[in-house]
Amino acid sequence: MASLNDVPAGPLIFFDGVCNLCNAAVQWVIERDRRGVFRFGVLQSEAGRAALGAATTPTDLPDSIVLIDGARVHIRSDAALRIARGLGFPWSLAVIALAVPRPLRDAVYSWVARNRYRWFGRRESCMVPTPELAARFVDAGEFAAPASDTETAADDPAPASAATPATGAVQKEALVTTRASGTFEVKMTPEAMDDKAEGAVLGRMSLEKSFHGDLEATGKGTMLTAGTSVKGSAGYVAIERVSGTLHGRRGTFALQHTGTMTRGAPELAITVVPDSGTGELAGLAGKLAITVADEKHSYDLEYTLSAP
């Protein structure tokens, strides 16, 4: 029979691996936890289930974020406020909110938690830790068998079903997703295309890009376009190969673009071509979003990195 003594030393944060909001919160904590106080794990993973089994009874399983700190288990608003305290000044000032009665704090927390998928979306994977952060993510082997009679610090636990993964794939182990962002410059050069037929006007362009930020790379590709006689309606497809480093991992991968404009309303999807990653980026999957503001281009890439 395991107890909290079987849990590794140091505060542990377990989070809902399919929740966009929870993933963003963990990223926020990692960026501000300069002393490396916290370690992390995914609730749906084998490590998460083992840790919670060692720390609580099955009926005490949380469904969003849980903090295990020594012999205490904190969930809901208690967990959030104590995590903030562990980050030091000025975030530690949030602990003042502990003076607010727990039922009131938890009511607000639970309201957000109940709507987090609807408001922020969900996924089947979460953040991939960089090599520098990998040691801060727990492994299931660190935990002993589940216990049945230990104490939790929360007095209103969520039902066990709330933490049950929605799919078998997640239940096995949640991949971790991370977010890369930055800016890029693009040069588009028209290429000759022998198209004299009636109908949509077809075009072809070469692409050259320079990415900066979390992705330091160059891109090279080809774009095919189709223009119409209706103002604001057109379409394009493109394939580009990206070469460089992504969060310090070196390799290449390909992006596939599919874009349409329907009378001024744009729709664009950019996806990492499956199994196109090479080198340290083998196993890369994800989607990229582009924003253009004040004639400047920026990108947001959400990706997972699995073993090849």
Protein backbone atom coordinates (compact mmCIF):
# COMPACT_ATOMS: atom_id res chain seq x y z
CA MET A 1 0.00 0.00 0.00
CA ALA A 2 1.49 3.36 -1.03
CA SER A 3 1.41 6.66 0.79
CA LEU A 4 2.38 10.25 0.11
CA ASN A 5 5.89 9.29 1.17
CA ASP A 6 6.13 7.40 -2.15
CA VAL A 7 5.74 10.64 -4.13
CA PRO A 8 9.04 12.28 -5.20
CA ALA A 9 10.13 15.30 -3.17
CA GLY A 10 9.29 18.77 -4.42
CA PRO A 11 6.00 20.37 -5.42
CA LEU A 12 4.36 18.52 -8.33
CA ILE A 13 1.81 20.12 -10.67
CA PHE A 14 -0.44 17.69 -12.57
CA PHE A 15 -2.68 19.16 -15.25
CA ASP A 16 -5.36 18.17 -17.75
CA GLY A 17 -3.35 17.28 -20.85
CA VAL A 18 -6.23 17.79 -23.28
CA CYS A 19 -7.18 21.27 -22.02
CA ASN A 20 -5.86 24.29 -23.92
CA LEU A 21 -6.31 26.54 -20.88
CA CYS A 22 -4.43 24.15 -18.58
CA ASN A 23 -1.57 23.84 -21.07
CA ALA A 24 -1.32 27.63 -21.34
CA ALA A 25 -1.31 27.92 -17.54
CA VAL A 26 1.54 25.41 -17.24
CA GLN A 27 3.54 27.24 -19.91
CA TRP A 28 3.00 30.45 -17.94
CA VAL A 29 4.26 28.81 -14.74
CA ILE A 30 7.34 27.33 -16.46
CA GLU A 31 8.33 30.72 -17.87
CA ARG A 32 8.17 32.31 -14.40
CA ASP A 33 9.53 29.44 -12.33
CA ARG A 34 13.13 30.58 -12.74
CA ARG A 35 14.29 28.66 -9.66
CA GLY A 36 12.90 25.38 -10.98
CA VAL A 37 10.71 24.84 -7.90
CA PHE A 38 7.96 22.84 -9.61
CA ARG A 39 7.84 19.57 -11.50
CA PHE A 40 5.04 18.64 -13.90
CA GLY A 41 2.95 15.76 -15.17
CA VAL A 42 -0.19 15.06 -17.18
CA LEU A 43 -3.25 13.82 -15.29
CA GLN A 44 -4.21 11.39 -18.06
CA SER A 45 -0.74 9.88 -18.31
CA GLU A 46 0.45 6.77 -16.52
CA ALA A 47 2.59 9.01 -14.31
CA GLY A 48 -0.41 11.16 -13.41
CA ARG A 49 -2.60 8.20 -12.54
CA ALA A 50 0.18 6.63 -10.48
CA ALA A 51 0.87 9.85 -8.58
CA LEU A 52 -2.77 10.45 -7.76
CA GLY A 53 -3.17 6.83 -6.82
CA ALA A 54 -0.34 7.22 -4.33
CA ALA A 55 -1.67 10.52 -3.03
CA THR A 56 -5.46 10.16 -2.93
CA THR A 57 -8.30 7.68 -3.01
CA PRO A 58 -9.92 7.03 -6.43
CA THR A 59 -12.89 9.28 -5.58
CA ASP A 60 -10.58 12.25 -5.01
CA LEU A 61 -9.27 12.55 -8.56
CA PRO A 62 -9.34 16.17 -9.82
CA ASP A 63 -10.13 17.13 -13.38
CA SER A 64 -8.01 20.19 -14.14
CA ILE A 65 -4.93 21.07 -12.03
CA VAL A 66 -3.66 19.49 -8.82
CA LEU A 67 -0.68 20.43 -6.67
CA ILE A 68 1.03 17.76 -4.56
CA ASP A 69 3.31 19.47 -2.04
CA GLY A 70 4.89 17.20 0.52
CA ALA A 71 2.11 15.52 2.48
CA ARG A 72 -0.61 17.81 1.16
CA VAL A 73 -2.77 17.63 -1.97
CA HIS A 74 -4.30 20.90 -3.19
CA ILE A 75 -6.91 21.24 -5.93
CA ARG A 76 -9.04 23.99 -7.48
CA SER A 77 -8.37 27.52 -6.19
CA ASP A 78 -6.10 26.29 -3.38
CA ALA A 79 -3.77 24.73 -5.97
CA ALA A 80 -3.73 27.81 -8.20
CA LEU A 81 -2.97 30.22 -5.34
CA ARG A 82 -0.25 28.05 -3.81
CA ILE A 83 1.40 27.64 -7.20
CA ALA A 84 1.46 31.44 -7.53
CA ARG A 85 3.03 31.68 -4.07
CA GLY A 86 5.79 29.29 -5.12
CA LEU A 87 6.77 31.57 -8.02
CA GLY A 88 7.92 34.32 -5.68
CA PHE A 89 7.28 38.06 -5.83
CA PRO A 90 5.14 39.60 -7.33
CA TRP A 91 3.05 36.49 -8.11
CA SER A 92 3.18 35.38 -4.48
CA LEU A 93 0.94 38.32 -3.58
CA ALA A 94 -1.94 36.26 -4.96
CA VAL A 95 -1.85 34.27 -1.72
CA ILE A 96 -3.82 37.13 -0.16
CA ALA A 97 -6.85 35.61 -1.90
CA LEU A 98 -6.62 32.64 0.47
CA ALA A 99 -8.40 34.91 2.96
CA VAL A 100 -11.51 34.61 0.76
CA PRO A 101 -13.66 31.66 1.90
CA ARG A 102 -12.80 28.56 -0.10
CA PRO A 103 -16.40 27.91 -1.29
CA LEU A 104 -16.47 31.33 -2.96
CA ARG A 105 -13.04 30.88 -4.56
CA ASP A 106 -13.85 27.38 -5.71
CA ALA A 107 -17.18 28.47 -7.16
CA VAL A 108 -15.37 30.83 -9.54
CA TYR A 109 -12.67 28.24 -10.29
CA SER A 110 -15.22 25.49 -10.96
CA TRP A 111 -17.27 27.77 -13.23
CA VAL A 112 -14.20 28.35 -15.42
CA ALA A 113 -13.21 24.67 -15.21
CA ARG A 114 -16.65 23.49 -16.35
CA ASN A 115 -16.50 25.74 -19.41
CA ARG A 116 -12.81 25.47 -20.25
CA TYR A 117 -13.27 23.13 -23.23
CA ARG A 118 -16.09 25.23 -24.66
CA TRP A 119 -14.26 28.53 -24.23
CA PHE A 120 -10.67 27.53 -24.91
CA GLY A 121 -10.97 24.22 -26.81
CA ARG A 122 -9.43 20.84 -26.16
CA ARG A 123 -6.88 18.56 -27.78
CA GLU A 124 -5.59 15.03 -27.49
CA SER A 125 -2.09 16.15 -26.63
CA CYS A 126 -0.23 18.82 -24.74
CA MET A 127 3.24 20.31 -24.42
CA VAL A 128 6.44 18.50 -25.49
CA PRO A 129 9.16 19.39 -22.96
CA THR A 130 12.43 20.62 -24.40
CA PRO A 131 15.59 18.68 -23.46
CA GLU A 132 16.26 21.31 -20.79
CA LEU A 133 12.79 20.79 -19.24
CA ALA A 134 12.51 17.01 -19.65
CA ALA A 135 13.93 16.32 -16.18
CA ARG A 136 11.13 18.38 -14.65
CA PHE A 137 8.41 16.07 -16.03
CA VAL A 138 7.78 13.06 -13.82
CA ASP A 139 7.91 9.44 -14.93
CA ALA A 140 5.46 6.78 -13.83
CA GLY A 141 8.32 4.67 -12.47
CA GLU A 142 8.82 7.21 -9.69
CA PHE A 143 5.53 6.25 -8.06
CA ALA A 144 4.43 3.20 -6.10
CA ALA A 145 1.13 1.33 -6.38
CA PRO A 146 -2.16 3.22 -5.72
CA ALA A 147 -3.26 3.74 -2.11
CA SER A 148 -6.75 3.70 -0.69
CA ASP A 149 -6.61 5.44 2.69
CA THR A 150 -4.57 8.67 2.48
CA GLU A 151 -5.77 12.19 3.20
CA THR A 152 -6.40 15.06 0.75
CA ALA A 153 -6.35 18.76 1.59
CA ALA A 154 -9.51 19.47 -0.44
CA ASP A 155 -12.88 18.97 1.21
CA ASP A 156 -14.99 18.89 -1.98
CA PRO A 157 -13.25 16.52 -4.42
CA ALA A 158 -14.37 16.14 -8.02
CA PRO A 159 -15.77 12.79 -9.16
CA ALA A 160 -13.31 10.25 -10.51
CA SER A 161 -15.04 10.21 -13.89
CA ALA A 162 -14.01 13.81 -14.48
CA ALA A 163 -10.38 12.78 -14.93
CA THR A 164 -11.10 9.79 -17.15
CA PRO A 165 -9.57 10.30 -20.61
CA ALA A 166 -12.06 10.66 -23.44
CA THR A 167 -10.20 8.33 -25.80
CA GLY A 168 -8.04 5.25 -25.56
CA ALA A 169 -5.18 7.10 -27.22
CA VAL A 170 -5.09 9.70 -24.46
CA GLN A 171 -5.53 7.03 -21.83
CA LYS A 172 -2.35 5.31 -22.94
CA GLU A 173 -0.29 8.48 -22.70
CA ALA A 174 -0.96 12.09 -23.62
CA LEU A 175 1.60 13.56 -25.95
CA VAL A 176 2.67 16.96 -24.79
CA THR A 177 2.01 19.96 -27.03
CA THR A 178 4.05 23.13 -27.00
CA ARG A 179 3.66 26.48 -28.67
CA ALA A 180 6.29 28.23 -30.76
CA SER A 181 5.85 31.84 -31.83
CA GLY A 182 7.79 34.58 -33.54
CA THR A 183 8.01 36.62 -36.72
CA PHE A 184 9.00 35.92 -40.30
CA GLU A 185 9.76 37.65 -43.58
CA VAL A 186 8.57 36.29 -46.89
CA LYS A 187 9.61 36.92 -50.47
CA MET A 188 7.23 35.78 -53.22
CA THR A 189 8.51 35.71 -56.79
CA PRO A 190 6.07 35.11 -59.70
CA GLU A 191 7.05 32.33 -62.07
CA ALA A 192 6.01 31.90 -65.68
CA MET A 193 3.00 29.67 -66.23
CA ASP A 194 1.62 28.78 -69.66
CA ASP A 195 -2.09 29.25 -68.99
CA LYS A 196 -4.22 30.88 -71.69
CA ALA A 197 -7.48 29.00 -71.15
CA GLU A 198 -10.71 30.69 -70.14
CA GLY A 199 -11.93 30.64 -66.56
CA ALA A 200 -9.93 31.02 -63.36
CA VAL A 201 -6.54 32.66 -63.79
CA LEU A 202 -3.83 30.30 -62.60
CA GLY A 203 -0.53 31.50 -61.20
CA ARG A 204 2.64 30.15 -59.68
CA MET A 205 5.10 31.71 -57.23
CA SER A 206 8.28 30.68 -55.45
CA LEU A 207 8.47 31.27 -51.70
CA GLU A 208 11.48 32.20 -49.58
CA LYS A 209 11.06 32.78 -45.84
CA SER A 210 13.16 33.63 -42.80
CA PHE A 211 11.68 32.64 -39.42
CA HIS A 212 12.74 34.21 -36.12
CA GLY A 213 11.86 33.49 -32.50
CA ASP A 214 11.18 29.99 -31.18
CA LEU A 215 11.61 28.79 -34.76
CA GLU A 216 14.93 29.95 -36.22
CA ALA A 217 14.82 28.67 -39.77
CA THR A 218 14.51 29.31 -43.46
CA GLY A 219 11.68 28.16 -45.68
CA LYS A 220 11.57 27.45 -49.39
CA GLY A 221 8.56 26.39 -51.40
CA THR A 222 6.13 26.76 -54.26
CA MET A 223 2.66 28.31 -54.32
CA LEU A 224 -0.11 27.72 -56.88
CA THR A 225 -2.93 30.28 -57.09
CA ALA A 226 -6.31 30.57 -58.76
CA GLY A 227 -7.94 33.96 -59.24
CA THR A 228 -11.55 34.53 -60.27
CA SER A 229 -13.63 37.26 -61.89
CA VAL A 230 -15.39 37.88 -58.57
CA LYS A 231 -13.66 40.45 -56.42
CA GLY A 232 -12.23 38.95 -53.24
CA SER A 233 -12.59 35.30 -54.29
CA ALA A 234 -9.48 33.19 -54.89
CA GLY A 235 -7.60 30.15 -53.70
CA TYR A 236 -4.08 28.89 -53.22
CA VAL A 237 -2.12 25.85 -52.18
CA ALA A 238 1.55 25.70 -51.26
CA ILE A 239 4.22 23.34 -50.03
CA GLU A 240 7.34 24.58 -48.27
CA ARG A 241 10.31 22.92 -46.64
CA VAL A 242 11.51 24.49 -43.39
CA SER A 243 15.12 24.01 -42.26
CA GLY A 244 16.57 25.14 -38.93
CA THR A 245 15.90 24.80 -35.19
CA LEU A 246 12.62 24.61 -33.29
CA HIS A 247 13.07 25.29 -29.58
CA GLY A 248 16.69 24.27 -30.01
CA ARG A 249 15.97 21.02 -31.88
CA ARG A 250 17.61 20.93 -35.30
CA GLY A 251 16.06 19.38 -38.38
CA THR A 252 13.69 19.95 -41.29
CA PHE A 253 9.97 19.53 -41.91
CA ALA A 254 7.41 20.40 -44.57
CA LEU A 255 4.34 22.62 -44.32
CA GLN A 256 1.21 22.27 -46.45
CA HIS A 257 -0.90 25.40 -47.04
CA THR A 258 -4.53 25.41 -48.17
CA GLY A 259 -6.17 28.81 -48.45
CA THR A 260 -9.36 30.27 -49.89
CA MET A 261 -10.90 33.73 -50.04
CA THR A 262 -14.67 33.88 -50.45
CA ARG A 263 -15.65 37.44 -51.39
CA GLY A 264 -13.21 38.86 -48.88
CA ALA A 265 -13.61 36.22 -46.15
CA PRO A 266 -10.32 34.31 -45.74
CA GLU A 267 -9.87 30.72 -44.62
CA LEU A 268 -6.41 29.24 -44.20
CA ALA A 269 -5.06 25.95 -42.86
CA ILE A 270 -1.33 25.25 -42.56
CA THR A 271 -0.34 21.77 -41.38
CA VAL A 272 2.94 19.98 -40.81
CA VAL A 273 3.11 17.23 -43.43
CA PRO A 274 2.91 13.90 -41.56
CA ASP A 275 6.27 12.15 -41.11
CA SER A 276 8.13 14.98 -42.85
CA GLY A 277 10.32 15.80 -39.84
CA THR A 278 14.00 14.89 -39.96
CA GLY A 279 16.89 14.97 -37.49
CA GLU A 280 15.81 16.06 -34.01
CA LEU A 281 12.41 17.02 -35.47
CA ALA A 282 11.50 13.48 -36.53
CA GLY A 283 7.96 12.72 -35.35
CA LEU A 284 6.86 16.36 -35.56
CA ALA A 285 3.14 17.07 -36.02
CA GLY A 286 1.21 20.28 -35.69
CA LYS A 287 -0.55 23.29 -37.16
CA LEU A 288 0.71 26.78 -37.88
CA ALA A 289 -1.29 30.02 -37.80
CA ILE A 290 -0.21 33.26 -39.49
CA THR A 291 -1.08 36.80 -38.44
CA VAL A 292 -0.40 39.88 -40.57
CA ALA A 293 -0.58 43.25 -38.81
CA ASP A 294 0.95 46.58 -39.87
CA GLU A 295 2.62 44.78 -42.78
CA LYS A 296 4.48 42.50 -40.34
CA HIS A 297 4.10 38.72 -40.34
CA SER A 298 4.01 36.57 -37.20
CA TYR A 299 3.40 32.86 -36.63
CA ASP A 300 2.08 30.55 -33.92
CA LEU A 301 2.98 26.87 -34.22
CA GLU A 302 1.35 24.34 -31.91
CA TYR A 303 3.11 21.01 -32.20
CA THR A 304 3.78 17.63 -30.71
CA LEU A 305 6.97 15.64 -31.03
CA SER A 306 6.67 11.88 -30.71
CA ALA A 307 9.33 9.21 -30.89
CA PRO A 308 10.00 8.37 -34.57
